Protein backbone atom coordinates (compact mmCIF):
# COMPACT_ATOMS: atom_id res chain seq x y z
CA MET A 1 0.00 0.00 0.00
CA SER A 2 1.13 3.40 -0.67
CA THR A 3 -0.02 6.53 1.06
CA ASN A 4 -0.22 9.89 -0.78
CA ARG A 5 1.08 12.68 1.39
CA THR A 6 1.12 16.39 0.61
CA PRO A 7 4.57 17.75 0.57
CA ALA A 8 5.32 20.21 3.25
CA SER A 9 6.38 22.71 0.70
CA SER A 10 2.79 22.84 -0.78
CA LYS A 11 1.08 23.97 2.43
CA PRO A 12 0.25 27.72 2.52
CA GLY A 13 2.19 29.86 4.87
CA ARG A 14 0.89 32.45 7.31
CA LYS A 15 1.69 35.31 4.95
CA GLN A 16 -0.35 33.76 2.15
CA LEU A 17 -3.32 33.15 4.45
CA PHE A 18 -3.30 36.81 5.55
CA ILE A 19 -3.33 37.99 1.93
CA ILE A 20 -6.24 35.65 1.09
CA ILE A 21 -8.29 36.95 4.05
CA LEU A 22 -7.73 40.61 3.00
CA LEU A 23 -8.85 39.80 -0.54
CA LEU A 24 -12.03 38.15 0.77
CA ILE A 25 -12.81 41.22 2.96
CA PHE A 26 -12.27 43.67 0.07
CA GLY A 27 -14.44 41.53 -2.18
CA ALA A 28 -17.29 41.50 0.33
CA VAL A 29 -17.17 45.29 0.78
CA ALA A 30 -17.14 45.87 -2.98
CA GLY A 31 -20.12 43.56 -3.40
CA VAL A 32 -22.12 45.46 -0.79
CA LEU A 33 -21.36 48.80 -2.44
CA ILE A 34 -22.40 47.48 -5.85
CA LEU A 35 -25.67 46.11 -4.47
CA ARG A 36 -26.49 49.44 -2.75
CA SER A 37 -25.66 51.68 -5.70
CA GLY A 38 -27.35 49.63 -8.36
CA PRO A 39 -31.06 50.26 -7.42
CA ASP A 40 -30.44 54.03 -6.87
CA LYS A 41 -29.10 54.49 -10.37
CA LYS A 42 -31.93 52.51 -11.78
CA SER A 43 -34.44 54.55 -9.79
CA ALA A 44 -32.86 57.83 -10.85
CA ALA A 45 -32.96 56.80 -14.46
CA GLN A 46 -36.58 55.73 -14.39
CA GLY A 47 -37.97 58.42 -12.01
CA HIS A 48 -40.72 57.81 -9.46
CA SER A 49 -43.33 56.56 -11.90
CA GLU A 50 -45.65 53.63 -12.00
CA LYS A 51 -48.36 52.47 -14.30
CA ALA A 52 -51.87 53.41 -13.33
CA GLY A 53 -54.12 50.49 -14.10
CA GLY A 54 -51.33 48.79 -16.11
CA GLY A 55 -51.35 45.14 -17.05
CA GLU A 56 -48.87 42.45 -16.07
CA ASP A 57 -47.04 42.68 -19.42
CA GLY A 58 -45.75 46.16 -18.54
CA HIS A 59 -47.91 47.93 -21.14
CA GLY A 60 -50.60 49.48 -18.94
CA HIS A 61 -53.04 52.20 -19.93
CA GLY A 62 -51.84 54.94 -17.61
CA LYS A 63 -48.70 56.03 -15.80
CA GLU A 64 -48.19 58.33 -12.80
CA VAL A 65 -45.25 60.51 -11.88
CA ALA A 66 -44.98 61.82 -8.33
CA LYS A 67 -43.57 65.13 -7.16
CA GLY A 68 -40.06 66.10 -8.16
CA GLY A 69 -38.03 64.80 -11.05
CA ASP A 70 -34.48 64.31 -12.29
CA ASP A 71 -32.07 66.66 -13.95
CA GLY A 72 -33.93 66.57 -17.24
CA HIS A 73 -32.10 63.55 -18.65
CA GLY A 74 -33.14 60.81 -16.32
CA HIS A 75 -29.74 60.60 -14.63
CA GLY A 76 -29.90 63.36 -12.03
CA SER A 77 -28.55 63.12 -8.53
CA GLU A 78 -30.79 62.15 -5.64
CA GLU A 79 -30.54 65.65 -4.10
CA ALA A 80 -31.56 67.37 -7.33
CA HIS A 81 -34.39 64.86 -7.76
CA GLU A 82 -35.92 65.76 -4.41
CA ASP A 83 -35.39 69.52 -4.30
CA GLU A 84 -35.80 70.74 -7.86
CA PRO A 85 -38.19 69.38 -10.49
CA PRO A 86 -36.56 68.73 -13.88
CA LYS A 87 -36.69 71.61 -16.33
CA GLY A 88 -37.19 71.27 -20.03
CA PRO A 89 -35.84 73.34 -22.93
CA ASN A 90 -38.78 75.76 -22.54
CA GLY A 91 -38.32 76.23 -18.81
CA GLY A 92 -41.23 73.99 -17.83
CA GLN A 93 -41.48 70.98 -15.54
CA VAL A 94 -40.72 67.67 -17.26
CA PHE A 95 -42.54 64.39 -16.64
CA ARG A 96 -41.21 61.15 -18.15
CA GLU A 97 -42.35 57.57 -18.48
CA GLY A 98 -40.28 55.36 -20.66
CA ASP A 99 -39.69 57.02 -24.00
CA PHE A 100 -42.59 59.45 -23.48
CA GLY A 101 -41.99 62.91 -22.06
CA LEU A 102 -44.22 65.90 -21.28
CA GLU A 103 -43.02 69.42 -20.49
CA LEU A 104 -45.61 71.55 -18.64
CA LYS A 105 -45.28 75.26 -17.96
CA LEU A 106 -47.56 77.85 -16.33
CA SER A 107 -46.92 80.91 -18.48
CA GLU A 108 -48.24 84.46 -18.17
CA GLU A 109 -47.98 85.23 -21.85
CA GLY A 110 -50.96 87.34 -22.86
CA GLY A 111 -51.48 88.82 -19.39
CA GLN A 112 -53.14 85.79 -17.77
CA PRO A 113 -51.41 82.64 -16.48
CA ARG A 114 -52.21 79.63 -18.69
CA PHE A 115 -50.77 76.15 -19.09
CA ARG A 116 -48.60 75.30 -22.10
CA ALA A 117 -47.22 71.82 -22.85
CA TRP A 118 -44.69 70.18 -25.19
CA VAL A 119 -44.60 66.48 -26.11
CA TYR A 120 -41.36 64.49 -26.45
CA GLU A 121 -40.52 61.02 -27.72
CA LYS A 122 -37.08 59.73 -26.70
CA ASP A 123 -36.20 63.30 -25.65
CA GLN A 124 -37.04 64.58 -29.10
CA PRO A 125 -39.97 67.02 -29.62
CA VAL A 126 -42.89 65.59 -31.57
CA ALA A 127 -46.11 67.09 -32.90
CA PRO A 128 -48.96 67.05 -30.33
CA ALA A 129 -51.57 65.95 -32.88
CA GLY A 130 -53.78 63.23 -31.40
CA THR A 131 -52.58 63.97 -27.84
CA GLU A 132 -55.05 65.17 -25.19
CA VAL A 133 -54.01 66.71 -21.87
CA ASN A 134 -56.51 67.33 -19.04
CA ILE A 135 -55.35 68.97 -15.80
CA THR A 136 -57.38 68.88 -12.58
CA LEU A 137 -56.40 71.51 -9.98
CA THR A 138 -57.46 71.01 -6.35
CA ARG A 139 -56.98 74.07 -4.17
CA PRO A 140 -56.62 74.19 -0.35
CA GLY A 141 -60.23 75.24 0.05
CA GLY A 142 -61.44 72.16 -1.83
CA GLU A 143 -62.31 73.98 -5.07
CA GLN A 144 -61.48 72.11 -8.25
CA GLN A 145 -60.79 73.43 -11.74
CA GLU A 146 -60.71 71.37 -14.90
CA ILE A 147 -58.33 72.63 -17.57
CA LYS A 148 -58.07 71.18 -21.08
CA LEU A 149 -55.05 71.70 -23.30
CA LYS A 150 -55.59 71.65 -27.05
CA PRO A 151 -53.02 71.53 -29.86
CA GLU A 152 -51.90 74.94 -31.13
CA GLY A 153 -49.21 74.30 -33.71
CA ALA A 154 -46.25 72.60 -32.09
CA ILE A 155 -47.57 72.96 -28.53
CA LEU A 156 -50.60 72.27 -26.38
CA ALA A 157 -52.24 75.30 -24.73
CA SER A 158 -55.17 75.92 -22.37
CA ALA A 159 -57.95 78.37 -22.98
CA GLN A 160 -58.78 78.69 -19.26
CA ALA A 161 -56.70 80.99 -17.06
CA VAL A 162 -55.33 79.78 -13.73
CA ALA A 163 -56.37 82.20 -10.99
CA GLU A 164 -54.05 83.33 -8.22
CA PRO A 165 -52.77 82.07 -5.88
CA HIS A 166 -50.98 79.24 -7.61
CA VAL A 167 -51.24 76.87 -4.66
CA PHE A 168 -52.82 73.58 -5.63
CA GLU A 169 -52.43 69.85 -6.20
CA ALA A 170 -52.59 68.95 -9.87
CA THR A 171 -53.40 65.73 -11.70
CA VAL A 172 -52.29 65.61 -15.33
CA ALA A 173 -54.07 63.03 -17.49
CA VAL A 174 -52.39 62.51 -20.89
CA VAL A 175 -53.93 60.43 -23.66
CA THR A 176 -51.66 59.69 -26.65
CA PRO A 177 -52.41 57.61 -29.74
CA LYS A 178 -50.33 54.82 -28.15
CA GLU A 179 -51.37 54.79 -24.46
CA PRO A 180 -52.48 57.06 -21.57
CA TYR A 181 -50.32 58.49 -18.80
CA LEU A 182 -51.08 60.01 -15.41
CA PHE A 183 -48.85 62.46 -13.54
CA THR A 184 -49.28 64.47 -10.35
CA PHE A 185 -47.48 67.49 -8.93
CA GLU A 186 -47.93 70.29 -6.40
CA GLN A 187 -47.61 74.07 -6.75
CA GLN A 188 -46.88 76.09 -3.59
CA GLU A 189 -46.30 79.57 -5.00
CA GLY A 190 -46.87 82.38 -2.48
CA LYS A 191 -47.24 80.11 0.53
CA VAL A 192 -46.29 81.66 3.88
CA SER A 193 -44.58 78.99 5.96
CA LEU A 194 -45.46 79.25 9.66
CA SER A 195 -45.53 76.48 12.21
CA ASP A 196 -48.27 76.14 14.80
CA ALA A 197 -45.85 77.34 17.47
CA GLN A 198 -44.98 80.43 15.43
CA ILE A 199 -48.66 81.16 14.81
CA LYS A 200 -49.38 80.99 18.53
CA ALA A 201 -46.35 83.10 19.44
CA ALA A 202 -47.33 85.78 16.91
CA GLY A 203 -50.83 86.05 18.41
CA ILE A 204 -52.57 85.08 15.17
CA ILE A 205 -56.14 84.01 15.92
CA MET A 206 -57.76 81.45 13.68
CA GLU A 207 -61.45 81.53 12.77
CA THR A 208 -63.70 79.63 10.40
CA SER A 209 -65.74 81.15 7.60
CA ALA A 210 -69.43 80.71 8.31
CA PRO A 211 -72.85 82.18 7.55
CA GLY A 212 -73.56 85.37 9.42
CA VAL A 213 -75.71 88.47 9.67
CA VAL A 214 -74.29 91.53 7.93
CA ARG A 215 -75.89 94.82 8.74
CA SER A 216 -75.76 97.11 5.76
CA ALA A 217 -75.03 100.62 6.92
CA LEU A 218 -74.47 104.13 5.63
CA GLN A 219 -71.62 106.28 6.91
CA PHE A 220 -72.02 110.00 7.57
CA PRO A 221 -69.60 112.51 9.09
CA GLY A 222 -71.05 114.31 12.09
CA GLU A 223 -70.35 116.44 15.12
CA ILE A 224 -71.41 116.25 18.76
CA ARG A 225 -73.54 119.21 19.81
CA PHE A 226 -75.45 120.30 22.91
CA ASN A 227 -78.90 118.90 23.39
CA GLU A 228 -80.72 122.12 22.63
CA ASP A 229 -83.79 120.82 24.43
CA ARG A 230 -81.73 120.73 27.62
CA THR A 231 -79.61 123.86 27.13
CA ALA A 232 -80.51 127.24 28.69
CA HIS A 233 -79.08 130.64 27.78
CA ILE A 234 -79.61 132.62 30.96
CA VAL A 235 -80.28 136.37 30.67
CA PRO A 236 -81.07 138.65 33.66
CA ARG A 237 -84.21 140.20 32.05
CA VAL A 238 -83.51 143.35 34.07
CA ALA A 239 -80.63 145.79 33.94
CA GLY A 240 -78.45 146.08 37.00
CA VAL A 241 -75.07 145.83 38.64
CA VAL A 242 -73.50 142.48 39.63
CA ASP A 243 -73.24 142.11 43.40
CA SER A 244 -71.81 138.57 43.49
CA VAL A 245 -71.04 135.56 41.23
CA SER A 246 -71.12 132.12 42.84
CA ALA A 247 -70.99 129.82 39.78
CA ASN A 248 -67.81 129.11 37.85
CA LEU A 249 -67.25 127.92 34.31
CA GLY A 250 -67.47 124.12 34.07
CA GLU A 251 -69.22 123.80 37.43
CA VAL A 252 -72.02 121.30 37.77
CA VAL A 253 -75.06 123.01 39.26
CA LYS A 254 -78.41 121.84 40.58
CA LYS A 255 -81.85 123.13 39.72
CA GLY A 256 -82.62 126.36 41.64
CA GLN A 257 -78.99 126.96 42.66
CA VAL A 258 -78.04 130.66 42.79
CA LEU A 259 -75.56 131.52 40.04
CA ALA A 260 -75.20 135.28 40.59
CA VAL A 261 -76.86 138.22 42.42
CA ILE A 262 -77.70 141.53 40.72
CA SER A 263 -78.87 144.86 42.22
CA SER A 264 -81.66 146.17 40.00
CA SER A 265 -83.73 149.33 40.30
CA VAL A 266 -86.49 147.71 38.25
CA VAL A 267 -86.79 144.88 40.73
CA SER A 268 -86.68 147.36 43.59
CA GLU A 269 -89.56 149.39 42.13
CA THR A 270 -91.63 146.25 41.44
CA ARG A 271 -91.14 144.96 44.98
CA ALA A 272 -92.08 148.36 46.37
CA GLU A 273 -95.19 148.32 44.23
CA LEU A 274 -96.06 144.88 45.55
CA GLN A 275 -95.56 145.90 49.13
CA GLY A 276 -97.78 149.00 48.64
CA ALA A 277 -100.49 146.85 47.03
CA GLN A 278 -100.29 144.38 49.92
CA ARG A 279 -100.78 147.20 52.46
CA ARG A 280 -103.75 148.60 50.54
CA ARG A 281 -105.26 145.13 50.37
CA GLU A 282 -104.91 144.73 54.14
CA LEU A 283 -106.62 148.10 54.69
CA ALA A 284 -109.37 147.26 52.21
CA GLN A 285 -109.89 143.90 53.93
CA THR A 286 -110.30 145.58 57.31
CA THR A 287 -112.70 148.21 55.91
CA TYR A 288 -114.78 145.56 54.19
CA GLU A 289 -115.12 143.44 57.33
CA ARG A 290 -116.17 146.49 59.42
CA GLU A 291 -118.75 147.68 56.89
CA LYS A 292 -120.10 144.17 56.60
CA THR A 293 -120.57 143.96 60.36
CA LEU A 294 -122.32 147.35 60.52
CA TRP A 295 -124.63 146.36 57.68
CA GLU A 296 -125.52 143.11 59.39
CA GLN A 297 -126.37 145.15 62.56
CA LYS A 298 -128.61 147.44 60.49
CA ILE A 299 -126.38 150.37 61.29
CA SER A 300 -124.92 151.21 57.84
CA PRO A 301 -126.54 150.84 54.47
CA GLU A 302 -125.69 147.99 52.07
CA GLN A 303 -124.13 150.44 49.59
CA ASP A 304 -121.19 151.01 51.97
CA VAL A 305 -120.59 147.26 52.10
CA LEU A 306 -120.57 146.97 48.32
CA GLN A 307 -118.13 149.87 47.98
CA ALA A 308 -115.79 148.28 50.57
CA ARG A 309 -115.95 144.95 48.71
CA GLN A 310 -115.08 146.68 45.42
CA ALA A 311 -112.09 148.40 47.02
CA LEU A 312 -110.90 145.02 48.38
CA ARG A 313 -111.13 143.37 44.98
CA GLU A 314 -109.12 146.21 43.39
CA ALA A 315 -106.43 145.89 46.09
CA GLU A 316 -106.20 142.12 45.50
CA ILE A 317 -105.80 142.68 41.77
CA ALA A 318 -103.00 145.19 42.42
CA VAL A 319 -101.20 142.62 44.62
CA ALA A 320 -101.58 139.89 42.00
CA ASN A 321 -100.33 142.25 39.28
CA ALA A 322 -97.20 143.22 41.22
CA THR A 323 -96.54 139.57 42.12
CA GLN A 324 -96.81 138.51 38.49
CA LYS A 325 -94.33 141.19 37.45
CA LEU A 326 -91.76 139.84 39.88
CA LEU A 327 -92.34 136.27 38.78
CA THR A 328 -92.00 137.28 35.14
CA LEU A 329 -88.66 138.85 35.93
CA GLY A 330 -87.61 135.73 37.82
CA ALA A 331 -87.39 137.52 41.12
CA THR A 332 -88.79 136.34 44.42
CA THR A 333 -91.66 138.21 46.11
CA SER A 334 -89.78 138.52 49.38
CA SER A 335 -86.18 139.55 49.95
CA SER A 336 -84.06 141.28 52.55
CA SER A 337 -83.21 143.90 49.93
CA LEU A 338 -85.74 145.41 47.57
CA GLY A 339 -83.32 145.51 44.63
CA ARG A 340 -81.76 142.02 45.11
CA PHE A 341 -82.20 139.87 42.02
CA GLU A 342 -80.94 136.25 41.97
CA LEU A 343 -80.05 134.32 38.81
CA ARG A 344 -80.81 130.62 39.37
CA ALA A 345 -80.14 127.42 37.41
CA PRO A 346 -83.30 126.24 35.58
CA PHE A 347 -82.30 122.54 35.79
CA ASP A 348 -79.41 120.27 36.69
CA GLY A 349 -76.51 120.81 34.32
CA MET A 350 -73.08 122.27 33.72
CA VAL A 351 -72.06 125.89 33.29
CA VAL A 352 -70.60 125.80 29.77
CA GLU A 353 -70.48 129.56 29.18
CA LYS A 354 -69.98 132.49 31.58
CA HIS A 355 -70.04 136.19 30.63
CA ILE A 356 -70.46 137.97 33.94
CA ALA A 357 -68.08 139.49 36.49
CA LEU A 358 -68.36 141.15 39.89
CA GLY A 359 -69.28 144.84 39.71
CA GLU A 360 -70.18 144.66 36.05
CA SER A 361 -73.15 146.63 34.76
CA ILE A 362 -75.23 144.38 32.54
CA LYS A 363 -78.22 144.83 30.33
CA GLU A 364 -81.47 142.98 30.55
CA ASP A 365 -80.79 140.91 27.37
CA ALA A 366 -77.15 140.02 28.06
CA ASN A 367 -76.32 136.27 27.82
CA VAL A 368 -74.51 135.88 31.13
CA PHE A 369 -74.64 132.08 31.57
CA THR A 370 -75.21 128.99 29.41
CA VAL A 371 -76.18 125.89 31.33
CA SER A 372 -76.52 122.55 29.54
CA ASP A 373 -77.61 119.14 30.72
CA LEU A 374 -74.86 116.91 29.25
CA SER A 375 -76.47 113.64 30.31
CA THR A 376 -77.64 113.50 26.68
CA VAL A 377 -76.11 115.07 23.57
CA TRP A 378 -76.90 115.29 19.88
CA ALA A 379 -74.82 113.79 17.08
CA GLU A 380 -75.70 115.95 14.09
CA MET A 381 -74.92 114.89 10.52
CA SER A 382 -75.56 115.98 6.95
CA VAL A 383 -77.51 113.53 4.78
CA ALA A 384 -77.34 113.72 1.00
CA ALA A 385 -80.61 113.70 -0.91
CA ARG A 386 -79.95 110.23 -2.37
CA ASP A 387 -79.68 108.71 1.14
CA LEU A 388 -82.77 110.29 2.68
CA GLN A 389 -84.92 107.25 1.85
CA GLN A 390 -82.77 105.09 4.14
CA VAL A 391 -82.38 107.59 6.99
CA ARG A 392 -85.64 107.73 8.90
CA VAL A 393 -86.72 108.77 12.37
CA GLY A 394 -86.48 105.81 14.73
CA GLU A 395 -83.72 103.98 12.82
CA ARG A 396 -80.83 102.62 14.84
CA ALA A 397 -77.43 104.26 14.52
CA ILE A 398 -73.92 103.73 15.83
CA VAL A 399 -71.79 106.79 16.59
CA ARG A 400 -68.01 106.33 16.60
CA ALA A 401 -65.55 108.94 17.81
CA GLY A 402 -62.91 110.08 15.38
CA ALA A 403 -60.31 111.08 17.99
CA PHE A 404 -60.39 107.97 20.20
CA ASP A 405 -61.77 104.45 20.31
CA ALA A 406 -65.34 104.83 21.55
CA SER A 407 -68.79 104.10 20.18
CA ALA A 408 -72.38 104.41 21.34
CA ASN A 409 -75.77 103.28 20.12
CA GLY A 410 -78.64 105.68 19.56
CA THR A 411 -81.72 106.35 17.46
CA ILE A 412 -82.40 109.00 14.86
CA SER A 413 -84.69 111.56 16.46
CA TYR A 414 -84.89 114.12 13.67
CA VAL A 415 -84.47 114.34 9.90
CA GLY A 416 -84.77 117.77 8.34
CA SER A 417 -87.53 118.42 5.83
CA LEU A 418 -85.52 121.00 3.90
CA ILE A 419 -82.39 120.53 1.79
CA GLY A 420 -79.78 123.27 2.00
CA GLU A 421 -79.35 125.35 -1.12
CA GLN A 422 -75.56 125.36 -0.83
CA THR A 423 -74.82 121.91 0.58
CA ARG A 424 -77.76 120.03 -0.99
CA THR A 425 -78.04 118.02 2.22
CA ALA A 426 -80.54 117.72 5.03
CA ARG A 427 -79.73 117.84 8.72
CA ALA A 428 -80.35 114.82 10.91
CA ARG A 429 -79.53 114.05 14.49
CA VAL A 430 -79.07 111.12 16.82
CA VAL A 431 -79.75 111.44 20.56
CA LEU A 432 -76.93 109.85 22.55
CA PRO A 433 -76.87 109.03 26.25
CA ASN A 434 -73.80 110.59 27.85
CA PRO A 435 -73.67 109.48 31.49
CA GLN A 436 -69.87 109.72 31.78
CA GLY A 437 -69.56 112.95 29.81
CA ALA A 438 -67.21 111.37 27.23
CA TRP A 439 -69.12 112.79 24.26
CA ARG A 440 -68.07 116.40 24.38
CA PRO A 441 -69.74 119.01 22.16
CA GLY A 442 -67.52 119.86 19.20
CA LEU A 443 -66.14 116.32 18.85
CA PHE A 444 -66.08 115.00 15.27
CA VAL A 445 -67.71 111.61 14.85
CA ASN A 446 -68.78 109.10 12.20
CA VAL A 447 -72.44 108.13 12.28
CA GLU A 448 -73.30 104.69 10.94
CA VAL A 449 -76.98 104.27 10.16
CA LEU A 450 -78.09 100.64 10.14
CA ALA A 451 -80.34 100.35 7.12
CA ASN A 452 -81.13 96.60 7.16
CA GLU A 453 -79.79 93.20 8.15
CA VAL A 454 -78.98 90.45 5.63
CA THR A 455 -77.95 86.86 6.32
CA SER A 456 -75.00 85.94 4.11
CA PRO A 457 -73.89 82.34 3.43
CA VAL A 458 -70.17 83.11 3.86
CA THR A 459 -68.74 85.81 6.13
CA VAL A 460 -65.35 86.46 7.73
CA ALA A 461 -64.09 88.84 10.37
CA SER A 462 -63.24 92.31 9.08
CA SER A 463 -59.72 91.99 10.50
CA ALA A 464 -59.06 89.05 8.15
CA LEU A 465 -59.22 91.09 4.95
CA GLN A 466 -55.86 92.20 3.52
CA THR A 467 -54.76 93.60 0.16
CA VAL A 468 -52.13 91.86 -1.97
CA ASP A 469 -51.34 93.21 -5.45
CA ASP A 470 -54.33 95.56 -5.15
CA LYS A 471 -56.68 92.62 -4.63
CA PRO A 472 -58.59 91.69 -1.45
CA VAL A 473 -57.35 88.41 0.02
CA VAL A 474 -57.95 86.21 3.05
CA PHE A 475 -55.02 84.15 4.33
CA LEU A 476 -56.28 80.58 4.21
CA LYS A 477 -54.78 78.04 6.62
CA VAL A 478 -53.00 75.12 4.96
CA PRO A 479 -50.63 72.53 6.41
CA GLY A 480 -47.45 74.31 7.35
CA GLY A 481 -48.68 77.87 6.96
CA PHE A 482 -51.03 80.12 4.98
CA VAL A 483 -51.82 80.98 1.37
CA PRO A 484 -53.40 84.25 0.17
CA GLN A 485 -56.85 83.42 -1.17
CA PRO A 486 -58.33 86.13 -3.45
CA VAL A 487 -61.95 86.85 -2.60
CA GLN A 488 -64.78 89.02 -3.84
CA VAL A 489 -66.29 90.98 -0.97
CA GLY A 490 -69.80 92.34 -0.54
CA ARG A 491 -71.42 94.22 2.30
CA SER A 492 -69.73 95.00 5.59
CA ASP A 493 -70.82 96.31 8.96
CA GLY A 494 -67.36 96.91 10.38
CA LYS A 495 -67.27 93.55 12.17
CA ARG A 496 -68.17 90.99 9.50
CA ILE A 497 -67.59 91.06 5.74
CA GLU A 498 -69.70 89.20 3.22
CA ILE A 499 -67.67 86.96 0.87
CA LEU A 500 -69.34 86.63 -2.52
CA SER A 501 -66.82 84.26 -4.08
CA GLY A 502 -63.42 82.71 -3.41
CA LEU A 503 -64.17 81.10 -0.05
CA LYS A 504 -66.44 78.33 1.15
CA PRO A 505 -68.06 77.90 4.57
CA GLY A 506 -65.91 76.06 7.07
CA ALA A 507 -62.56 77.31 5.76
CA SER A 508 -59.97 78.09 8.45
CA TYR A 509 -58.34 81.51 8.05
CA ALA A 510 -56.23 84.06 9.92
CA ALA A 511 -58.57 86.58 11.58
CA ALA A 512 -56.89 88.80 14.19
CA GLY A 513 -53.22 89.22 13.29
CA SER A 514 -53.63 88.60 9.55
CA PHE A 515 -51.38 91.62 8.92
CA ILE A 516 -48.55 89.62 10.53
CA VAL A 517 -49.01 86.90 7.90
CA LYS A 518 -48.95 89.55 5.18
CA SER A 519 -45.71 91.00 6.54
CA GLU A 520 -44.15 87.53 6.61
CA GLN A 521 -45.22 87.04 3.01
CA GLY A 522 -43.51 90.31 2.09
CA LYS A 523 -40.29 89.21 3.82
CA GLY A 524 -40.19 85.92 1.96
CA SER A 525 -41.45 87.12 -1.41
CA ALA A 526 -39.34 86.22 -4.42
CA THR A 527 -39.48 86.85 -8.13
CA HIS A 528 -42.81 85.70 -9.51
CA THR A 529 -42.05 83.24 -12.33
CA HIS A 530 -43.76 80.30 -13.94
């Protein structure tokens, strides 16, 4: 028997084993790298597309491309694929599936933004004849718009304009003579990115559009004036010299309070006349009673009694006449001084004018005091002839101060029957309660007359309305921030605004603090391109 033995010289040494192990390690690492890089390149070349409703043989009847794209040649880097959609030769976004390609661009040629599209086959432009493109736009508020692109020479173009803002999700359905395709993309132009924490920190209050009552109103400039029904211009009614003045300008006085004292010769003569008539009446009364007693005792004839009664009646008339003179002058019938004449407040109010001084000689028709009851005031306004049908006595009105933040409710108490020849307006007034005295005569105000109330299907807070590019907008809440939603507004009552179009009920929007969103939009605004 013979035994085969391996020569010792054929056995591998330690050095050879170490080299073999290193080669095995390098080979394993290279294999892993190849396996990891292979699918990425394939994915980058094909894009994120899949057949919509396709068959098992790979020739389906529709294909879908998700957001993003490659570098325009199907071999872009992963970073470019995620951040920037591929651009075509015409500056539009490119969608690819196999050999088919579609370039879509939102262009403002002609003054209104419209979609334009180009068709490619193996990256070469082809005529769009027989190709149909339908785009469905879904906006944040849920509104949808169907746009059809029709062949116009070498391109496809839409007849419908795409309204601002260009924030929407779009579905592009393409039907070619060979097979259909389906692509989707998003447009976020003009979006203001704000997190929920930033919204809360900025004090932006969210509200929801809803039906509401809008009170249509007319605005008129006006002025606060004294309530003339409760304003007295005090005149002495007799000439005299001022003995004392107890009331000061701006002082609140009570009814019957003495404002000033005047020494008047007219009052002195009238009081003297009254006192003389009173004495004659007393004497006539005594004479009449004596003659009556004598007549009853059959001592004196009845004629003496009748004459005494006549004299008494004449004395009583003289007393009444002198008393009435004093009352007409405003003087009291009794006083420590015959010539003392007291000026008194006719009602509770404030001394708003004072034209009297101690020792001054005044006339009987001098306006020495003006006292007004400021618990109520008038808001007077001028009403044009065209508005007189809506401004009626009894209508409700809101008066707002022009110099500070204050308002009060009142009713129209008077509308003038005559129209001024120069102004062609009629005067009207609103009676305002003024318990705190805040409505001072001479203050300029705005009077809002509430004509009627209308229930509107969609209303928003007045603070929500902003202007962007000379158009009214409401900042609509979307995930991650806000978008400016153009709206058509109707009536407003200062608190709520009627939305005629552009917004549906239940939409969340920025109410208080919407100007902050607008300022953030201005900070982040960039060149507007399509």
